[in-house]
Amino acid sequence: MQDKFKLYKKWFWIGIAVGFFNTFAGLVYGIALMVEPEHRKEGFIIILWSFISLAILTTILRKTGLVY
């Protein structure tokens, strides 16, 4: 049981990183987690983090002039 928790914790943090760098992939992974009843909270966190990172990256790109 302990090994399964460690493995899942690793994939949760990978999902957070993927959600930061690629919003669409973070949404897909978050929705996949929300389908499983025992991982809904983690899926919601990944989806939320994906939208937050999108807002942060868009703001940074607008300030640098790369996106209008």
C-alpha atoms as a PDB file:
ATOM      1  CA  MET A   1       0.000   0.000   0.000  1.00  0.00           C
ATOM      2  CA  GLN A   2       2.833   2.391   0.828  1.00  0.00           C
ATOM      3  CA  ASP A   3       4.483   1.839  -2.571  1.00  0.00           C
ATOM      4  CA  LYS A   4       1.218   2.581  -4.376  1.00  0.00           C
ATOM      5  CA  PHE A   5       0.865   5.890  -2.498  1.00  0.00           C
ATOM      6  CA  LYS A   6       4.441   6.919  -3.352  1.00  0.00           C
ATOM      7  CA  LEU A   7       3.878   6.055  -7.009  1.00  0.00           C
ATOM      8  CA  TYR A   8       0.639   8.040  -7.135  1.00  0.00           C
ATOM      9  CA  LYS A   9       2.235  11.019  -5.373  1.00  0.00           C
ATOM     10  CA  LYS A  10       4.953  11.071  -8.037  1.00  0.00           C
ATOM     11  CA  TRP A  11       2.362  11.094 -10.839  1.00  0.00           C
ATOM     12  CA  PHE A  12       0.441  13.876  -9.096  1.00  0.00           C
ATOM     13  CA  TRP A  13       3.514  16.128  -9.139  1.00  0.00           C
ATOM     14  CA  ILE A  14       4.211  15.194 -12.752  1.00  0.00           C
ATOM     15  CA  GLY A  15       0.615  16.247 -13.519  1.00  0.00           C
ATOM     16  CA  ILE A  16       1.209  19.604 -11.812  1.00  0.00           C
ATOM     17  CA  ALA A  17       4.337  20.172 -13.932  1.00  0.00           C
ATOM     18  CA  VAL A  18       2.582  19.138 -17.148  1.00  0.00           C
ATOM     19  CA  GLY A  19      -0.327  21.428 -16.304  1.00  0.00           C
ATOM     20  CA  PHE A  20       2.063  24.338 -15.867  1.00  0.00           C
ATOM     21  CA  PHE A  21       3.829  23.886 -19.204  1.00  0.00           C
ATOM     22  CA  ASN A  22       0.896  22.649 -21.299  1.00  0.00           C
ATOM     23  CA  THR A  23      -2.598  23.721 -20.278  1.00  0.00           C
ATOM     24  CA  PHE A  24      -4.413  21.303 -22.588  1.00  0.00           C
ATOM     25  CA  ALA A  25      -2.449  18.284 -21.348  1.00  0.00           C
ATOM     26  CA  GLY A  26      -3.055  19.372 -17.752  1.00  0.00           C
ATOM     27  CA  LEU A  27      -6.786  19.569 -18.409  1.00  0.00           C
ATOM     28  CA  VAL A  28      -6.849  16.116 -19.988  1.00  0.00           C
ATOM     29  CA  TYR A  29      -4.883  14.595 -17.099  1.00  0.00           C
ATOM     30  CA  GLY A  30      -7.006  16.411 -14.519  1.00  0.00           C
ATOM     31  CA  ILE A  31     -10.247  15.220 -16.117  1.00  0.00           C
ATOM     32  CA  ALA A  32      -8.880  11.671 -16.232  1.00  0.00           C
ATOM     33  CA  LEU A  33      -8.212  11.873 -12.494  1.00  0.00           C
ATOM     34  CA  MET A  34     -11.622  13.363 -11.738  1.00  0.00           C
ATOM     35  CA  VAL A  35     -13.292  10.329 -13.331  1.00  0.00           C
ATOM     36  CA  GLU A  36     -11.816   8.174 -10.570  1.00  0.00           C
ATOM     37  CA  PRO A  37     -13.793   8.791  -7.347  1.00  0.00           C
ATOM     38  CA  GLU A  38     -10.796   8.460  -5.007  1.00  0.00           C
ATOM     39  CA  HIS A  39      -8.720  11.038  -6.945  1.00  0.00           C
ATOM     40  CA  ARG A  40     -11.264  13.798  -7.658  1.00  0.00           C
ATOM     41  CA  LYS A  41      -9.584  16.296  -5.364  1.00  0.00           C
ATOM     42  CA  GLU A  42      -6.208  15.858  -7.044  1.00  0.00           C
ATOM     43  CA  GLY A  43      -7.794  16.144 -10.495  1.00  0.00           C
ATOM     44  CA  PHE A  44      -9.471  19.404  -9.508  1.00  0.00           C
ATOM     45  CA  ILE A  45      -6.141  20.744  -8.201  1.00  0.00           C
ATOM     46  CA  ILE A  46      -4.389  19.923 -11.487  1.00  0.00           C
ATOM     47  CA  ILE A  47      -7.164  21.549 -13.549  1.00  0.00           C
ATOM     48  CA  LEU A  48      -7.115  24.648 -11.352  1.00  0.00           C
ATOM     49  CA  TRP A  49      -3.315  24.850 -11.537  1.00  0.00           C
ATOM     50  CA  SER A  50      -3.488  24.570 -15.342  1.00  0.00           C
ATOM     51  CA  PHE A  51      -5.757  27.616 -15.561  1.00  0.00           C
ATOM     52  CA  ILE A  52      -3.669  29.587 -13.054  1.00  0.00           C
ATOM     53  CA  SER A  53      -0.464  28.862 -14.961  1.00  0.00           C
ATOM     54  CA  LEU A  54      -2.163  29.867 -18.222  1.00  0.00           C
ATOM     55  CA  ALA A  55      -3.047  33.238 -16.687  1.00  0.00           C
ATOM     56  CA  ILE A  56       0.486  33.695 -15.317  1.00  0.00           C
ATOM     57  CA  LEU A  57       2.201  32.770 -18.584  1.00  0.00           C
ATOM     58  CA  THR A  58      -0.165  34.939 -20.640  1.00  0.00           C
ATOM     59  CA  THR A  59       0.503  37.921 -18.371  1.00  0.00           C
ATOM     60  CA  ILE A  60       4.266  37.441 -18.653  1.00  0.00           C
ATOM     61  CA  LEU A  61       4.105  37.097 -22.441  1.00  0.00           C
ATOM     62  CA  ARG A  62       1.964  40.230 -22.752  1.00  0.00           C
ATOM     63  CA  LYS A  63       4.370  42.269 -20.614  1.00  0.00           C
ATOM     64  CA  THR A  64       7.325  41.165 -22.747  1.00  0.00           C
ATOM     65  CA  GLY A  65       5.449  41.998 -25.934  1.00  0.00           C
ATOM     66  CA  LEU A  66       5.445  38.484 -27.376  1.00  0.00           C
ATOM     67  CA  VAL A  67       1.612  38.233 -27.286  1.00  0.00           C
ATOM     68  CA  TYR A  68      -0.775  41.088 -27.959  1.00  0.00           C
END
